[in-house]
Amino acid sequence: MREQQIEQQLRLMTKVRGGLCLKFVSPGWNGAPDRIVLFPDGKAGFVEVKSPGKKPRKIQLLRHQQLRRLGFQVFVLDKKEDIGGVLDGIQGT
């Protein structure tokens, strides 16, 4: 399974639940998470998508920590089976 396949499934399942799964690109801010997931009522979270078993790089972990300090949820996703749990976490269910 490739990272791209997990990311594609994340986009699809977010859409099915009525949300947006946007590519998060931030020039000049290396290590930003891959996706920002938005749901109604202002619910949002960042998702770093990895190939199965792969871990975030140091700079990515630093960015995750910075976002969490600001009160945002940040998830690392490396399995299709975990997508539902990540989306539940963002939606607060």
Foldseek 3Di string as FASTA:
>chain_A
DFLVVLLVLLQVVLVVVPKGWDQDDDPPQPLAAGTWIADPPGQIAGEHTGAPPDDRDPSNVVNCVVVVVVPHHYYYDHDSVCSVVVVCVSVVD
